[in-house]
Amino acid sequence: MKQVNFVVIFVICLALVLFGIENTTPSVIHVVKGVDFEAPLSVELIIAAGIGATLAWVFSVWVQVQSYTQKKPEIEQRELRIQQLEEDVERYRVELEQAPMLPQADSQADVEDAFVQ
């Protein structure tokens, strides 16, 4: 999967470089009234792509934070259930250690006699 990601990123960067080489003519960006920027079209595209990537990353982090906060009660319930089960296992282990053991058969003949009766 890392190789696929690398190829995708490489192709996008290569396309941006080729686009930048071909589009060096300056163009004007009107941000707000009275504020204008003039830069080559390729630089403007790279800046716009960077802003878009940053916004996509921020949105992704926001969605992950929201999903975590929504799943937090479920996670706490599971952790509580796990703790209860671990306590049950420990209690059963102590009960088994304290319980008297069944007598073991001394020989194969005793086992065969038990099945015959």
N, C-alpha and C. Protein backbone atom coordinates (compact mmCIF):
# COMPACT_ATOMS: atom_id res chain seq x y z
N MET A 1 0.82 -1.19 0.00
CA MET A 1 0.00 0.00 0.00
C MET A 1 0.87 1.25 0.00
N LYS A 2 2.03 1.16 0.66
CA LYS A 2 2.93 2.31 0.69
C LYS A 2 3.43 2.64 -0.71
N GLN A 3 3.64 1.61 -1.52
CA GLN A 3 4.11 1.84 -2.88
C GLN A 3 3.05 2.54 -3.72
N VAL A 4 1.80 2.17 -3.53
CA VAL A 4 0.71 2.83 -4.25
C VAL A 4 0.62 4.30 -3.84
N ASN A 5 0.70 4.56 -2.54
CA ASN A 5 0.69 5.95 -2.06
C ASN A 5 1.85 6.75 -2.64
N PHE A 6 3.02 6.14 -2.68
CA PHE A 6 4.18 6.82 -3.23
C PHE A 6 3.97 7.16 -4.70
N VAL A 7 3.44 6.21 -5.47
CA VAL A 7 3.21 6.44 -6.90
C VAL A 7 2.19 7.56 -7.10
N VAL A 8 1.12 7.56 -6.32
CA VAL A 8 0.10 8.60 -6.45
C VAL A 8 0.69 9.97 -6.13
N ILE A 9 1.43 10.07 -5.04
CA ILE A 9 2.04 11.35 -4.66
C ILE A 9 3.07 11.78 -5.71
N PHE A 10 3.85 10.83 -6.21
CA PHE A 10 4.85 11.16 -7.22
C PHE A 10 4.19 11.69 -8.49
N VAL A 11 3.12 11.05 -8.94
CA VAL A 11 2.43 11.49 -10.16
C VAL A 11 1.84 12.88 -9.97
N ILE A 12 1.25 13.13 -8.82
CA ILE A 12 0.68 14.47 -8.57
C ILE A 12 1.78 15.53 -8.55
N CYS A 13 2.88 15.26 -7.89
CA CYS A 13 3.99 16.23 -7.85
C CYS A 13 4.58 16.44 -9.24
N LEU A 14 4.72 15.37 -10.01
CA LEU A 14 5.24 15.49 -11.37
C LEU A 14 4.30 16.35 -12.23
N ALA A 15 3.00 16.12 -12.08
CA ALA A 15 2.04 16.93 -12.83
C ALA A 15 2.12 18.39 -12.44
N LEU A 16 2.27 18.68 -11.14
CA LEU A 16 2.41 20.06 -10.69
C LEU A 16 3.68 20.72 -11.25
N VAL A 17 4.78 19.98 -11.28
CA VAL A 17 6.03 20.52 -11.81
C VAL A 17 5.89 20.81 -13.31
N LEU A 18 5.34 19.87 -14.05
CA LEU A 18 5.16 20.09 -15.49
C LEU A 18 4.21 21.25 -15.75
N PHE A 19 3.15 21.35 -14.96
CA PHE A 19 2.23 22.47 -15.10
C PHE A 19 2.93 23.78 -14.78
N GLY A 20 3.77 23.78 -13.77
CA GLY A 20 4.51 24.98 -13.39
C GLY A 20 5.49 25.43 -14.45
N ILE A 21 6.13 24.48 -15.11
CA ILE A 21 7.08 24.82 -16.16
C ILE A 21 6.36 25.48 -17.35
N GLU A 22 5.17 24.99 -17.66
CA GLU A 22 4.45 25.49 -18.83
C GLU A 22 3.67 26.78 -18.55
N ASN A 23 3.37 27.09 -17.31
CA ASN A 23 2.51 28.24 -16.99
C ASN A 23 3.24 29.21 -16.07
N THR A 24 4.13 29.98 -16.66
CA THR A 24 4.90 30.95 -15.88
C THR A 24 4.38 32.37 -16.05
N THR A 25 3.32 32.56 -16.82
CA THR A 25 2.81 33.92 -17.02
C THR A 25 2.13 34.39 -15.75
N PRO A 26 2.37 35.64 -15.38
CA PRO A 26 1.76 36.14 -14.14
C PRO A 26 0.25 36.34 -14.30
N SER A 27 -0.45 36.09 -13.21
CA SER A 27 -1.89 36.35 -13.17
C SER A 27 -2.21 37.01 -11.83
N VAL A 28 -3.35 37.68 -11.79
CA VAL A 28 -3.71 38.46 -10.61
C VAL A 28 -4.81 37.73 -9.85
N ILE A 29 -4.67 37.70 -8.53
CA ILE A 29 -5.71 37.14 -7.66
C ILE A 29 -6.27 38.29 -6.83
N HIS A 30 -7.57 38.45 -6.87
CA HIS A 30 -8.25 39.48 -6.08
C HIS A 30 -8.77 38.81 -4.80
N VAL A 31 -8.11 39.06 -3.68
CA VAL A 31 -8.50 38.43 -2.41
C VAL A 31 -9.70 39.16 -1.84
N VAL A 32 -9.57 40.40 -1.55
CA VAL A 32 -10.66 41.27 -1.11
C VAL A 32 -10.49 42.60 -1.84
N LYS A 33 -11.46 43.45 -1.71
CA LYS A 33 -11.39 44.73 -2.41
C LYS A 33 -10.15 45.51 -1.97
N GLY A 34 -9.32 45.81 -2.94
CA GLY A 34 -8.10 46.55 -2.67
C GLY A 34 -6.88 45.68 -2.40
N VAL A 35 -7.06 44.39 -2.26
CA VAL A 35 -5.92 43.49 -2.00
C VAL A 35 -5.80 42.55 -3.20
N ASP A 36 -4.75 42.71 -3.95
CA ASP A 36 -4.49 41.89 -5.13
C ASP A 36 -3.09 41.28 -5.03
N PHE A 37 -2.98 40.05 -5.50
CA PHE A 37 -1.68 39.39 -5.57
C PHE A 37 -1.41 39.05 -7.02
N GLU A 38 -0.19 39.25 -7.45
CA GLU A 38 0.21 38.86 -8.79
C GLU A 38 1.37 37.88 -8.67
N ALA A 39 1.16 36.70 -9.25
CA ALA A 39 2.18 35.66 -9.21
C ALA A 39 1.96 34.75 -10.41
N PRO A 40 2.96 33.94 -10.75
CA PRO A 40 2.76 32.99 -11.84
C PRO A 40 1.61 32.02 -11.51
N LEU A 41 0.93 31.60 -12.54
CA LEU A 41 -0.23 30.73 -12.37
C LEU A 41 0.14 29.44 -11.64
N SER A 42 1.31 28.90 -11.92
CA SER A 42 1.72 27.65 -11.27
C SER A 42 1.89 27.83 -9.77
N VAL A 43 2.44 28.96 -9.35
CA VAL A 43 2.62 29.22 -7.92
C VAL A 43 1.26 29.34 -7.24
N GLU A 44 0.35 30.02 -7.92
CA GLU A 44 -1.01 30.16 -7.36
C GLU A 44 -1.70 28.81 -7.23
N LEU A 45 -1.49 27.94 -8.22
CA LEU A 45 -2.08 26.61 -8.17
C LEU A 45 -1.49 25.80 -7.02
N ILE A 46 -0.19 25.87 -6.85
CA ILE A 46 0.45 25.11 -5.76
C ILE A 46 -0.04 25.62 -4.40
N ILE A 47 -0.18 26.93 -4.26
CA ILE A 47 -0.68 27.49 -3.00
C ILE A 47 -2.12 27.04 -2.76
N ALA A 48 -2.94 27.07 -3.82
CA ALA A 48 -4.34 26.63 -3.68
C ALA A 48 -4.41 25.15 -3.32
N ALA A 49 -3.56 24.33 -3.94
CA ALA A 49 -3.54 22.90 -3.62
C ALA A 49 -3.09 22.67 -2.18
N GLY A 50 -2.11 23.44 -1.73
CA GLY A 50 -1.65 23.32 -0.34
C GLY A 50 -2.73 23.70 0.65
N ILE A 51 -3.45 24.78 0.36
CA ILE A 51 -4.56 25.18 1.24
C ILE A 51 -5.64 24.11 1.25
N GLY A 52 -5.95 23.56 0.08
CA GLY A 52 -6.96 22.50 0.00
C GLY A 52 -6.55 21.26 0.77
N ALA A 53 -5.28 20.87 0.65
CA ALA A 53 -4.79 19.69 1.38
C ALA A 53 -4.83 19.93 2.88
N THR A 54 -4.47 21.14 3.29
CA THR A 54 -4.52 21.47 4.72
C THR A 54 -5.95 21.42 5.24
N LEU A 55 -6.89 21.98 4.49
CA LEU A 55 -8.29 21.94 4.91
C LEU A 55 -8.82 20.50 4.97
N ALA A 56 -8.42 19.67 4.00
CA ALA A 56 -8.84 18.26 4.01
C ALA A 56 -8.29 17.55 5.23
N TRP A 57 -7.03 17.82 5.60
CA TRP A 57 -6.43 17.21 6.78
C TRP A 57 -7.15 17.66 8.05
N VAL A 58 -7.43 18.97 8.16
CA VAL A 58 -8.14 19.48 9.34
C VAL A 58 -9.52 18.83 9.44
N PHE A 59 -10.23 18.71 8.33
CA PHE A 59 -11.54 18.06 8.34
C PHE A 59 -11.43 16.60 8.78
N SER A 60 -10.41 15.90 8.30
CA SER A 60 -10.20 14.50 8.68
C SER A 60 -9.96 14.37 10.18
N VAL A 61 -9.13 15.25 10.73
CA VAL A 61 -8.86 15.22 12.17
C VAL A 61 -10.14 15.52 12.94
N TRP A 62 -10.91 16.48 12.47
CA TRP A 62 -12.17 16.85 13.13
C TRP A 62 -13.14 15.66 13.16
N VAL A 63 -13.25 14.95 12.05
CA VAL A 63 -14.14 13.79 11.99
C VAL A 63 -13.66 12.70 12.95
N GLN A 64 -12.36 12.48 13.03
CA GLN A 64 -11.82 11.47 13.94
C GLN A 64 -12.08 11.84 15.39
N VAL A 65 -11.94 13.12 15.73
CA VAL A 65 -12.20 13.57 17.10
C VAL A 65 -13.68 13.38 17.43
N GLN A 66 -14.55 13.71 16.49
CA GLN A 66 -15.98 13.53 16.74
C GLN A 66 -16.34 12.07 16.91
N SER A 67 -15.80 11.20 16.07
CA SER A 67 -16.12 9.78 16.20
C SER A 67 -15.59 9.21 17.51
N TYR A 68 -14.42 9.70 17.97
CA TYR A 68 -13.87 9.23 19.24
C TYR A 68 -14.76 9.66 20.40
N THR A 69 -15.22 10.92 20.38
CA THR A 69 -16.05 11.40 21.48
C THR A 69 -17.41 10.70 21.49
N GLN A 70 -17.89 10.29 20.33
CA GLN A 70 -19.17 9.57 20.28
C GLN A 70 -19.00 8.12 20.75
N LYS A 71 -17.83 7.53 20.51
CA LYS A 71 -17.59 6.14 20.88
C LYS A 71 -17.02 6.00 22.29
N LYS A 72 -16.70 7.11 22.94
CA LYS A 72 -16.07 7.06 24.26
C LYS A 72 -16.92 6.31 25.29
N PRO A 73 -18.24 6.55 25.40
CA PRO A 73 -19.02 5.78 26.38
C PRO A 73 -19.01 4.28 26.07
N GLU A 74 -19.05 3.91 24.80
CA GLU A 74 -19.01 2.50 24.43
C GLU A 74 -17.68 1.88 24.83
N ILE A 75 -16.60 2.61 24.63
CA ILE A 75 -15.28 2.11 25.00
C ILE A 75 -15.19 1.95 26.51
N GLU A 76 -15.72 2.91 27.26
CA GLU A 76 -15.69 2.81 28.72
C GLU A 76 -16.49 1.61 29.20
N GLN A 77 -17.65 1.34 28.57
CA GLN A 77 -18.44 0.17 28.94
C GLN A 77 -17.67 -1.12 28.66
N ARG A 78 -16.99 -1.17 27.53
CA ARG A 78 -16.21 -2.37 27.21
C ARG A 78 -15.06 -2.56 28.20
N GLU A 79 -14.40 -1.48 28.58
CA GLU A 79 -13.31 -1.58 29.55
C GLU A 79 -13.83 -2.04 30.91
N LEU A 80 -15.00 -1.56 31.30
CA LEU A 80 -15.60 -2.00 32.56
C LEU A 80 -15.95 -3.48 32.49
N ARG A 81 -16.49 -3.94 31.37
CA ARG A 81 -16.85 -5.36 31.20
C ARG A 81 -15.59 -6.22 31.23
N ILE A 82 -14.53 -5.75 30.60
CA ILE A 82 -13.26 -6.50 30.61
C ILE A 82 -12.74 -6.62 32.04
N GLN A 83 -12.81 -5.55 32.79
CA GLN A 83 -12.35 -5.57 34.18
C GLN A 83 -13.18 -6.55 35.00
N GLN A 84 -14.51 -6.57 34.80
CA GLN A 84 -15.37 -7.50 35.52
C GLN A 84 -15.01 -8.94 35.17
N LEU A 85 -14.78 -9.20 33.89
CA LEU A 85 -14.43 -10.57 33.47
C LEU A 85 -13.07 -10.99 34.03
N GLU A 86 -12.12 -10.07 34.09
CA GLU A 86 -10.83 -10.40 34.69
C GLU A 86 -10.98 -10.72 36.17
N GLU A 87 -11.83 -10.00 36.87
CA GLU A 87 -12.08 -10.29 38.28
C GLU A 87 -12.75 -11.65 38.43
N ASP A 88 -13.68 -11.99 37.53
CA ASP A 88 -14.33 -13.30 37.58
C ASP A 88 -13.32 -14.41 37.35
N VAL A 89 -12.44 -14.24 36.40
CA VAL A 89 -11.43 -15.25 36.13
C VAL A 89 -10.53 -15.45 37.34
N GLU A 90 -10.13 -14.36 37.97
CA GLU A 90 -9.27 -14.47 39.16
C GLU A 90 -10.01 -15.17 40.30
N ARG A 91 -11.29 -14.84 40.49
CA ARG A 91 -12.08 -15.48 41.53
C ARG A 91 -12.22 -16.98 41.26
N TYR A 92 -12.46 -17.36 40.00
CA TYR A 92 -12.58 -18.78 39.65
C TYR A 92 -11.25 -19.50 39.84
N ARG A 93 -10.15 -18.82 39.55
CA ARG A 93 -8.85 -19.43 39.73
C ARG A 93 -8.60 -19.74 41.21
N VAL A 94 -8.96 -18.79 42.08
CA VAL A 94 -8.79 -19.00 43.52
C VAL A 94 -9.68 -20.15 43.98
N GLU A 95 -10.92 -20.21 43.49
CA GLU A 95 -11.83 -21.29 43.88
C GLU A 95 -11.30 -22.65 43.45
N LEU A 96 -10.71 -22.71 42.24
CA LEU A 96 -10.15 -23.97 41.77
C LEU A 96 -8.94 -24.39 42.60
N GLU A 97 -8.14 -23.45 43.02
CA GLU A 97 -6.97 -23.78 43.83
C GLU A 97 -7.39 -24.27 45.21
N GLN A 98 -8.49 -23.77 45.73
CA GLN A 98 -8.94 -24.17 47.06
C GLN A 98 -9.80 -25.42 47.04
N ALA A 99 -10.37 -25.77 45.91
CA ALA A 99 -11.25 -26.94 45.82
C ALA A 99 -10.43 -28.22 45.94
N PRO A 100 -11.00 -29.24 46.63
CA PRO A 100 -10.26 -30.51 46.74
C PRO A 100 -10.18 -31.19 45.37
N MET A 101 -9.05 -31.78 45.12
CA MET A 101 -8.84 -32.44 43.84
C MET A 101 -9.50 -33.81 43.87
N LEU A 102 -9.95 -34.27 42.73
CA LEU A 102 -10.52 -35.60 42.60
C LEU A 102 -9.41 -36.64 42.72
N PRO A 103 -9.71 -37.78 43.31
CA PRO A 103 -8.66 -38.81 43.41
C PRO A 103 -8.29 -39.33 42.03
N GLN A 104 -7.02 -39.57 41.86
CA GLN A 104 -6.55 -40.07 40.58
C GLN A 104 -6.43 -41.58 40.63
N ALA A 105 -6.65 -42.20 39.49
CA ALA A 105 -6.54 -43.66 39.40
C ALA A 105 -5.07 -44.04 39.49
N ASP A 106 -4.80 -45.13 40.24
CA ASP A 106 -3.42 -45.54 40.43
C ASP A 106 -2.87 -46.28 39.22
N SER A 107 -3.72 -46.99 38.53
CA SER A 107 -3.21 -47.75 37.40
C SER A 107 -4.29 -47.83 36.32
N GLN A 108 -3.91 -48.42 35.22
CA GLN A 108 -4.83 -48.58 34.10
C GLN A 108 -5.95 -49.54 34.46
N ALA A 109 -5.67 -50.49 35.33
CA ALA A 109 -6.66 -51.49 35.74
C ALA A 109 -7.79 -50.80 36.50
N ASP A 110 -7.46 -49.83 37.35
CA ASP A 110 -8.49 -49.10 38.08
C ASP A 110 -9.41 -48.34 37.12
N VAL A 111 -8.84 -47.78 36.09
CA VAL A 111 -9.64 -47.05 35.11
C VAL A 111 -10.56 -48.00 34.38
N GLU A 112 -10.05 -49.17 33.99
CA GLU A 112 -10.86 -50.15 33.27
C GLU A 112 -11.98 -50.67 34.17
N ASP A 113 -11.69 -50.89 35.47
CA ASP A 113 -12.71 -51.35 36.41
C ASP A 113 -13.81 -50.32 36.56
N ALA A 114 -13.45 -49.06 36.54
CA ALA A 114 -14.43 -48.00 36.70
C ALA A 114 -15.38 -47.99 35.51
N PHE A 115 -14.89 -48.26 34.32
CA PHE A 115 -15.75 -48.27 33.14
C PHE A 115 -16.62 -49.51 33.07
N VAL A 116 -16.14 -50.60 33.59
CA VAL A 116 -16.91 -51.84 33.55
C VAL A 116 -18.11 -51.74 34.49
N GLN A 117 -17.95 -51.16 35.63
CA GLN A 117 -19.03 -51.08 36.62
C GLN A 117 -20.01 -50.09 36.13
